[in-house]
Amino acid sequence: MQKPLIPLALLALSSAYAFAAKDADLKPAITTPGKSVLEAHFKSGALEAPWTVSKGEWAPQDGALVGKEKASDNHPAVLFLKLPAHDSVIRFSYKLDGTNSFALSYNEAKGHLFRIGVGVNSLTVTKDKDKKDEASKPQQLGKAEAKLPAGEWHTMLVEVKGDQVEVQTDDGAKVEVKNPDLNVDKTGYRFVMKGASLLLDDVRVWEVAP
């Protein structure tokens, strides 16, 4: 029996959705992006400033940046993007490949500040403990359920404005938090992962317009 023909318009629509998660055009919710600070697509070559490999292995491969943990480090793989700012907007695509989670971490001059935990089923925003204060503990500021399967490309947008942080992903998951301790200058961005590999691509960073 001859299979029914699928209309070309429906095929085109299906193809569009198949690639929508990578470099999805997520819209800012609490900021107006200003000057473009960085745009990286990792088509070729080695990593250069403002990127710094702190731990693990990070290298462009097949049009994406691939991060892997090194057993000899005895530490999660860490990639630092040195773009100091008080407020900022960052959008990037990622794929979990041999790992089920990673974190986007923000530091201040004194040390760790807060981090966004990204898993296959959830997003969390956690204020880091003060390592100089023995009584200090991590404080979860917000959490949302998500559907972000490993092995697929996803897009994330993070806005930081004063004491506010807004996180959203291509599956519709959102987390918005406020905390006065977040209203400080940040040193940049740290991608932190454990496991086989994390793929990053289409990284864009903007200033926040007044």
C-alpha atoms as a PDB file:
ATOM      1  CA  MET A   1       0.000   0.000   0.000  1.00  0.00           C
ATOM      2  CA  GLN A   2       1.314   3.409  -0.928  1.00  0.00           C
ATOM      3  CA  LYS A   3       2.090   5.588   2.074  1.00  0.00           C
ATOM      4  CA  PRO A   4       0.150   8.877   2.273  1.00  0.00           C
ATOM      5  CA  LEU A   5       2.078  11.891   1.099  1.00  0.00           C
ATOM      6  CA  ILE A   6       3.050  14.437   3.744  1.00  0.00           C
ATOM      7  CA  PRO A   7       2.421  18.042   2.670  1.00  0.00           C
ATOM      8  CA  LEU A   8       5.620  20.011   2.035  1.00  0.00           C
ATOM      9  CA  ALA A   9       4.437  22.759   4.365  1.00  0.00           C
ATOM     10  CA  LEU A  10       4.163  20.257   7.226  1.00  0.00           C
ATOM     11  CA  LEU A  11       7.623  18.872   6.492  1.00  0.00           C
ATOM     12  CA  ALA A  12       9.083  22.368   6.566  1.00  0.00           C
ATOM     13  CA  LEU A  13       7.347  23.101   9.863  1.00  0.00           C
ATOM     14  CA  SER A  14       8.609  19.849  11.391  1.00  0.00           C
ATOM     15  CA  SER A  15      12.175  20.616  10.268  1.00  0.00           C
ATOM     16  CA  ALA A  16      12.002  24.078  11.788  1.00  0.00           C
ATOM     17  CA  TYR A  17      10.978  22.663  15.177  1.00  0.00           C
ATOM     18  CA  ALA A  18      13.707  20.012  14.995  1.00  0.00           C
ATOM     19  CA  PHE A  19      16.384  22.692  15.017  1.00  0.00           C
ATOM     20  CA  ALA A  20      14.581  25.289  17.144  1.00  0.00           C
ATOM     21  CA  ALA A  21      16.305  24.331  20.393  1.00  0.00           C
ATOM     22  CA  LYS A  22      19.810  25.239  19.190  1.00  0.00           C
ATOM     23  CA  ASP A  23      20.490  28.972  19.214  1.00  0.00           C
ATOM     24  CA  ALA A  24      16.806  29.620  19.971  1.00  0.00           C
ATOM     25  CA  ASP A  25      15.878  33.311  19.970  1.00  0.00           C
ATOM     26  CA  LEU A  26      14.915  33.618  23.636  1.00  0.00           C
ATOM     27  CA  LYS A  27      13.692  37.086  24.592  1.00  0.00           C
ATOM     28  CA  PRO A  28      15.035  38.931  27.674  1.00  0.00           C
ATOM     29  CA  ALA A  29      12.476  39.417  30.449  1.00  0.00           C
ATOM     30  CA  ILE A  30      14.071  41.871  32.904  1.00  0.00           C
ATOM     31  CA  THR A  31      16.733  43.659  30.830  1.00  0.00           C
ATOM     32  CA  THR A  32      17.287  45.483  27.573  1.00  0.00           C
ATOM     33  CA  PRO A  33      20.501  44.150  25.975  1.00  0.00           C
ATOM     34  CA  GLY A  34      22.923  46.887  24.986  1.00  0.00           C
ATOM     35  CA  LYS A  35      26.344  46.609  23.361  1.00  0.00           C
ATOM     36  CA  SER A  36      27.378  43.148  22.156  1.00  0.00           C
ATOM     37  CA  VAL A  37      30.445  42.054  24.135  1.00  0.00           C
ATOM     38  CA  LEU A  38      31.113  38.587  22.699  1.00  0.00           C
ATOM     39  CA  GLU A  39      29.881  36.222  20.002  1.00  0.00           C
ATOM     40  CA  ALA A  40      31.540  32.793  19.699  1.00  0.00           C
ATOM     41  CA  HIS A  41      30.674  29.881  17.401  1.00  0.00           C
ATOM     42  CA  PHE A  42      33.868  27.766  17.690  1.00  0.00           C
ATOM     43  CA  LYS A  43      34.201  26.983  13.997  1.00  0.00           C
ATOM     44  CA  SER A  44      37.951  26.483  14.170  1.00  0.00           C
ATOM     45  CA  GLY A  45      41.155  27.225  16.038  1.00  0.00           C
ATOM     46  CA  ALA A  46      42.160  27.096  19.696  1.00  0.00           C
ATOM     47  CA  LEU A  47      40.618  28.959  22.591  1.00  0.00           C
ATOM     48  CA  GLU A  48      41.971  32.446  23.166  1.00  0.00           C
ATOM     49  CA  ALA A  49      41.266  35.302  25.562  1.00  0.00           C
ATOM     50  CA  PRO A  50      38.839  36.017  27.128  1.00  0.00           C
ATOM     51  CA  TRP A  51      38.497  32.207  27.480  1.00  0.00           C
ATOM     52  CA  THR A  52      40.691  30.411  30.033  1.00  0.00           C
ATOM     53  CA  VAL A  53      40.784  26.688  30.778  1.00  0.00           C
ATOM     54  CA  SER A  54      41.015  26.338  34.560  1.00  0.00           C
ATOM     55  CA  LYS A  55      40.440  22.588  34.875  1.00  0.00           C
ATOM     56  CA  GLY A  56      39.772  19.720  32.503  1.00  0.00           C
ATOM     57  CA  GLU A  57      40.020  19.770  28.726  1.00  0.00           C
ATOM     58  CA  TRP A  58      38.157  22.311  26.578  1.00  0.00           C
ATOM     59  CA  ALA A  59      38.684  22.506  22.824  1.00  0.00           C
ATOM     60  CA  PRO A  60      36.731  23.352  19.639  1.00  0.00           C
ATOM     61  CA  GLN A  61      35.636  20.218  17.796  1.00  0.00           C
ATOM     62  CA  ASP A  62      33.259  19.823  14.839  1.00  0.00           C
ATOM     63  CA  GLY A  63      31.834  23.309  15.207  1.00  0.00           C
ATOM     64  CA  ALA A  64      31.288  23.281  18.980  1.00  0.00           C
ATOM     65  CA  LEU A  65      33.332  23.677  22.151  1.00  0.00           C
ATOM     66  CA  VAL A  66      33.759  20.347  23.958  1.00  0.00           C
ATOM     67  CA  GLY A  67      34.560  20.189  27.666  1.00  0.00           C
ATOM     68  CA  LYS A  68      35.735  17.033  29.433  1.00  0.00           C
ATOM     69  CA  GLU A  69      36.686  16.235  33.005  1.00  0.00           C
ATOM     70  CA  LYS A  70      40.241  14.998  33.640  1.00  0.00           C
ATOM     71  CA  ALA A  71      40.673  12.317  36.279  1.00  0.00           C
ATOM     72  CA  SER A  72      44.153  13.637  37.092  1.00  0.00           C
ATOM     73  CA  ASP A  73      42.672  17.003  38.116  1.00  0.00           C
ATOM     74  CA  ASN A  74      40.525  15.427  40.848  1.00  0.00           C
ATOM     75  CA  HIS A  75      38.208  18.376  40.188  1.00  0.00           C
ATOM     76  CA  PRO A  76      35.289  19.180  37.857  1.00  0.00           C
ATOM     77  CA  ALA A  77      36.230  20.687  34.495  1.00  0.00           C
ATOM     78  CA  VAL A  78      36.079  24.500  34.644  1.00  0.00           C
ATOM     79  CA  LEU A  79      36.095  26.995  31.783  1.00  0.00           C
ATOM     80  CA  PHE A  80      36.383  30.697  32.646  1.00  0.00           C
ATOM     81  CA  LEU A  81      35.047  33.446  30.400  1.00  0.00           C
ATOM     82  CA  LYS A  82      36.681  36.623  31.694  1.00  0.00           C
ATOM     83  CA  LEU A  83      34.163  39.372  30.977  1.00  0.00           C
ATOM     84  CA  PRO A  84      33.838  41.474  34.152  1.00  0.00           C
ATOM     85  CA  ALA A  85      30.497  43.217  34.591  1.00  0.00           C
ATOM     86  CA  HIS A  86      27.988  44.264  37.201  1.00  0.00           C
ATOM     87  CA  ASP A  87      24.921  43.501  35.058  1.00  0.00           C
ATOM     88  CA  SER A  88      24.913  41.351  31.910  1.00  0.00           C
ATOM     89  CA  VAL A  89      23.030  39.073  29.528  1.00  0.00           C
ATOM     90  CA  ILE A  90      24.394  35.760  28.226  1.00  0.00           C
ATOM     91  CA  ARG A  91      22.764  33.314  25.817  1.00  0.00           C
ATOM     92  CA  PHE A  92      24.279  30.016  24.689  1.00  0.00           C
ATOM     93  CA  SER A  93      23.485  26.574  23.331  1.00  0.00           C
ATOM     94  CA  TYR A  94      24.564  23.409  25.115  1.00  0.00           C
ATOM     95  CA  LYS A  95      24.338  19.631  24.861  1.00  0.00           C
ATOM     96  CA  LEU A  96      24.858  17.154  27.702  1.00  0.00           C
ATOM     97  CA  ASP A  97      26.894  14.290  26.232  1.00  0.00           C
ATOM     98  CA  GLY A  98      27.984  11.767  28.833  1.00  0.00           C
ATOM     99  CA  THR A  99      26.916  13.971  31.729  1.00  0.00           C
ATOM    100  CA  ASN A 100      23.519  14.874  33.155  1.00  0.00           C
ATOM    101  CA  SER A 101      24.255  18.323  34.534  1.00  0.00           C
ATOM    102  CA  PHE A 102      26.533  21.357  34.587  1.00  0.00           C
ATOM    103  CA  ALA A 103      26.658  24.750  36.276  1.00  0.00           C
ATOM    104  CA  LEU A 104      27.067  28.316  35.102  1.00  0.00           C
ATOM    105  CA  SER A 105      28.868  29.997  37.979  1.00  0.00           C
ATOM    106  CA  TYR A 106      29.383  33.685  38.782  1.00  0.00           C
ATOM    107  CA  ASN A 107      32.199  34.932  41.011  1.00  0.00           C
ATOM    108  CA  GLU A 108      32.886  38.239  42.677  1.00  0.00           C
ATOM    109  CA  ALA A 109      36.329  39.573  43.632  1.00  0.00           C
ATOM    110  CA  LYS A 110      36.166  37.804  47.030  1.00  0.00           C
ATOM    111  CA  GLY A 111      35.298  34.399  45.541  1.00  0.00           C
ATOM    112  CA  HIS A 112      32.243  32.333  44.606  1.00  0.00           C
ATOM    113  CA  LEU A 113      28.953  34.260  44.422  1.00  0.00           C
ATOM    114  CA  PHE A 114      26.140  32.156  42.911  1.00  0.00           C
ATOM    115  CA  ARG A 115      25.570  29.418  40.352  1.00  0.00           C
ATOM    116  CA  ILE A 116      22.876  28.122  38.054  1.00  0.00           C
ATOM    117  CA  GLY A 117      22.561  24.352  38.168  1.00  0.00           C
ATOM    118  CA  VAL A 118      21.308  22.830  34.911  1.00  0.00           C
ATOM    119  CA  GLY A 119      20.051  19.256  34.880  1.00  0.00           C
ATOM    120  CA  VAL A 120      17.806  17.185  32.657  1.00  0.00           C
ATOM    121  CA  ASN A 121      14.794  17.746  34.933  1.00  0.00           C
ATOM    122  CA  SER A 122      15.452  20.993  36.777  1.00  0.00           C
ATOM    123  CA  LEU A 123      17.026  24.442  36.965  1.00  0.00           C
ATOM    124  CA  THR A 124      18.309  25.843  40.246  1.00  0.00           C
ATOM    125  CA  VAL A 125      19.854  29.131  41.346  1.00  0.00           C
ATOM    126  CA  THR A 126      22.029  28.787  44.442  1.00  0.00           C
ATOM    127  CA  LYS A 127      23.963  31.409  46.388  1.00  0.00           C
ATOM    128  CA  ASP A 128      27.391  29.944  47.144  1.00  0.00           C
ATOM    129  CA  LYS A 129      28.723  29.651  50.660  1.00  0.00           C
ATOM    130  CA  ASP A 130      31.432  32.007  51.864  1.00  0.00           C
ATOM    131  CA  LYS A 131      34.522  29.802  52.121  1.00  0.00           C
ATOM    132  CA  LYS A 132      36.034  32.239  54.626  1.00  0.00           C
ATOM    133  CA  ASP A 133      33.070  31.782  56.979  1.00  0.00           C
ATOM    134  CA  GLU A 134      32.847  28.305  58.539  1.00  0.00           C
ATOM    135  CA  ALA A 135      29.179  28.876  59.442  1.00  0.00           C
ATOM    136  CA  SER A 136      28.227  29.806  55.872  1.00  0.00           C
ATOM    137  CA  LYS A 137      26.179  27.338  53.802  1.00  0.00           C
ATOM    138  CA  PRO A 138      24.880  27.273  50.209  1.00  0.00           C
ATOM    139  CA  GLN A 139      21.408  28.832  49.913  1.00  0.00           C
ATOM    140  CA  GLN A 140      19.012  27.747  47.176  1.00  0.00           C
ATOM    141  CA  LEU A 141      17.280  30.886  45.905  1.00  0.00           C
ATOM    142  CA  GLY A 142      15.012  29.324  43.286  1.00  0.00           C
ATOM    143  CA  LYS A 143      14.151  26.137  41.412  1.00  0.00           C
ATOM    144  CA  ALA A 144      12.015  25.112  38.431  1.00  0.00           C
ATOM    145  CA  GLU A 145      11.121  21.826  36.807  1.00  0.00           C
ATOM    146  CA  ALA A 146      12.411  21.403  33.248  1.00  0.00           C
ATOM    147  CA  LYS A 147      12.523  18.949  30.361  1.00  0.00           C
ATOM    148  CA  LEU A 148      16.064  19.215  29.007  1.00  0.00           C
ATOM    149  CA  PRO A 149      17.107  15.710  27.895  1.00  0.00           C
ATOM    150  CA  ALA A 150      20.758  14.795  27.477  1.00  0.00           C
ATOM    151  CA  GLY A 151      21.961  14.197  23.930  1.00  0.00           C
ATOM    152  CA  GLU A 152      19.968  17.124  22.528  1.00  0.00           C
ATOM    153  CA  TRP A 153      20.817  20.774  21.934  1.00  0.00           C
ATOM    154  CA  HIS A 154      19.174  23.348  24.214  1.00  0.00           C
ATOM    155  CA  THR A 155      19.417  27.109  24.598  1.00  0.00           C
ATOM    156  CA  MET A 156      19.722  29.094  27.826  1.00  0.00           C
ATOM    157  CA  LEU A 157      19.409  32.821  28.508  1.00  0.00           C
ATOM    158  CA  VAL A 158      20.617  34.348  31.774  1.00  0.00           C
ATOM    159  CA  GLU A 159      20.009  37.976  32.735  1.00  0.00           C
ATOM    160  CA  VAL A 160      21.645  39.649  35.728  1.00  0.00           C
ATOM    161  CA  LYS A 161      20.383  43.066  36.777  1.00  0.00           C
ATOM    162  CA  GLY A 162      21.124  44.500  40.208  1.00  0.00           C
ATOM    163  CA  ASP A 163      19.823  42.035  42.781  1.00  0.00           C
ATOM    164  CA  GLN A 164      17.811  40.063  40.177  1.00  0.00           C
ATOM    165  CA  VAL A 165      18.684  36.966  38.146  1.00  0.00           C
ATOM    166  CA  GLU A 166      16.370  35.553  35.473  1.00  0.00           C
ATOM    167  CA  VAL A 167      17.070  32.191  33.809  1.00  0.00           C
ATOM    168  CA  GLN A 168      15.071  30.731  30.921  1.00  0.00           C
ATOM    169  CA  THR A 169      15.484  27.831  28.515  1.00  0.00           C
ATOM    170  CA  ASP A 170      14.043  26.758  25.162  1.00  0.00           C
ATOM    171  CA  ASP A 171      11.654  24.299  26.870  1.00  0.00           C
ATOM    172  CA  GLY A 172       9.917  27.171  28.675  1.00  0.00           C
ATOM    173  CA  ALA A 173      11.438  26.606  32.116  1.00  0.00           C
ATOM    174  CA  LYS A 174      12.116  29.845  34.018  1.00  0.00           C
ATOM    175  CA  VAL A 175      13.621  30.819  37.351  1.00  0.00           C
ATOM    176  CA  GLU A 176      13.667  34.383  38.685  1.00  0.00           C
ATOM    177  CA  VAL A 177      15.324  35.264  41.988  1.00  0.00           C
ATOM    178  CA  LYS A 178      16.199  38.370  43.998  1.00  0.00           C
ATOM    179  CA  ASN A 179      18.864  38.690  46.656  1.00  0.00           C
ATOM    180  CA  PRO A 180      20.732  41.841  47.775  1.00  0.00           C
ATOM    181  CA  ASP A 181      24.048  39.971  47.931  1.00  0.00           C
ATOM    182  CA  LEU A 182      23.949  39.498  44.136  1.00  0.00           C
ATOM    183  CA  ASN A 183      24.103  43.247  43.487  1.00  0.00           C
ATOM    184  CA  VAL A 184      27.906  43.363  43.120  1.00  0.00           C
ATOM    185  CA  ASP A 185      30.524  43.413  40.373  1.00  0.00           C
ATOM    186  CA  LYS A 186      31.126  39.982  38.819  1.00  0.00           C
ATOM    187  CA  THR A 187      34.429  38.726  37.387  1.00  0.00           C
ATOM    188  CA  GLY A 188      32.876  36.794  34.494  1.00  0.00           C
ATOM    189  CA  TYR A 189      31.378  33.362  33.831  1.00  0.00           C
ATOM    190  CA  ARG A 190      32.515  29.861  34.795  1.00  0.00           C
ATOM    191  CA  PHE A 191      31.192  26.723  33.085  1.00  0.00           C
ATOM    192  CA  VAL A 192      31.599  23.799  35.492  1.00  0.00           C
ATOM    193  CA  MET A 193      30.944  20.151  34.581  1.00  0.00           C
ATOM    194  CA  LYS A 194      31.642  16.564  35.616  1.00  0.00           C
ATOM    195  CA  GLY A 195      31.713  13.549  33.333  1.00  0.00           C
ATOM    196  CA  ALA A 196      32.437  12.652  29.730  1.00  0.00           C
ATOM    197  CA  SER A 197      31.600  15.836  27.846  1.00  0.00           C
ATOM    198  CA  LEU A 198      29.596  19.042  27.649  1.00  0.00           C
ATOM    199  CA  LEU A 199      29.170  20.792  24.290  1.00  0.00           C
ATOM    200  CA  LEU A 200      28.796  24.583  24.070  1.00  0.00           C
ATOM    201  CA  ASP A 201      28.058  26.738  21.042  1.00  0.00           C
ATOM    202  CA  ASP A 202      26.552  30.053  19.901  1.00  0.00           C
ATOM    203  CA  VAL A 203      27.716  31.953  22.980  1.00  0.00           C
ATOM    204  CA  ARG A 204      26.597  35.582  23.022  1.00  0.00           C
ATOM    205  CA  VAL A 205      27.120  38.181  25.743  1.00  0.00           C
ATOM    206  CA  TRP A 206      25.666  41.694  25.971  1.00  0.00           C
ATOM    207  CA  GLU A 207      25.932  44.656  28.275  1.00  0.00           C
ATOM    208  CA  VAL A 208      22.704  45.787  29.898  1.00  0.00           C
ATOM    209  CA  ALA A 209      21.385  49.068  28.515  1.00  0.00           C
ATOM    210  CA  PRO A 210      20.622  51.818  31.077  1.00  0.00           C
END
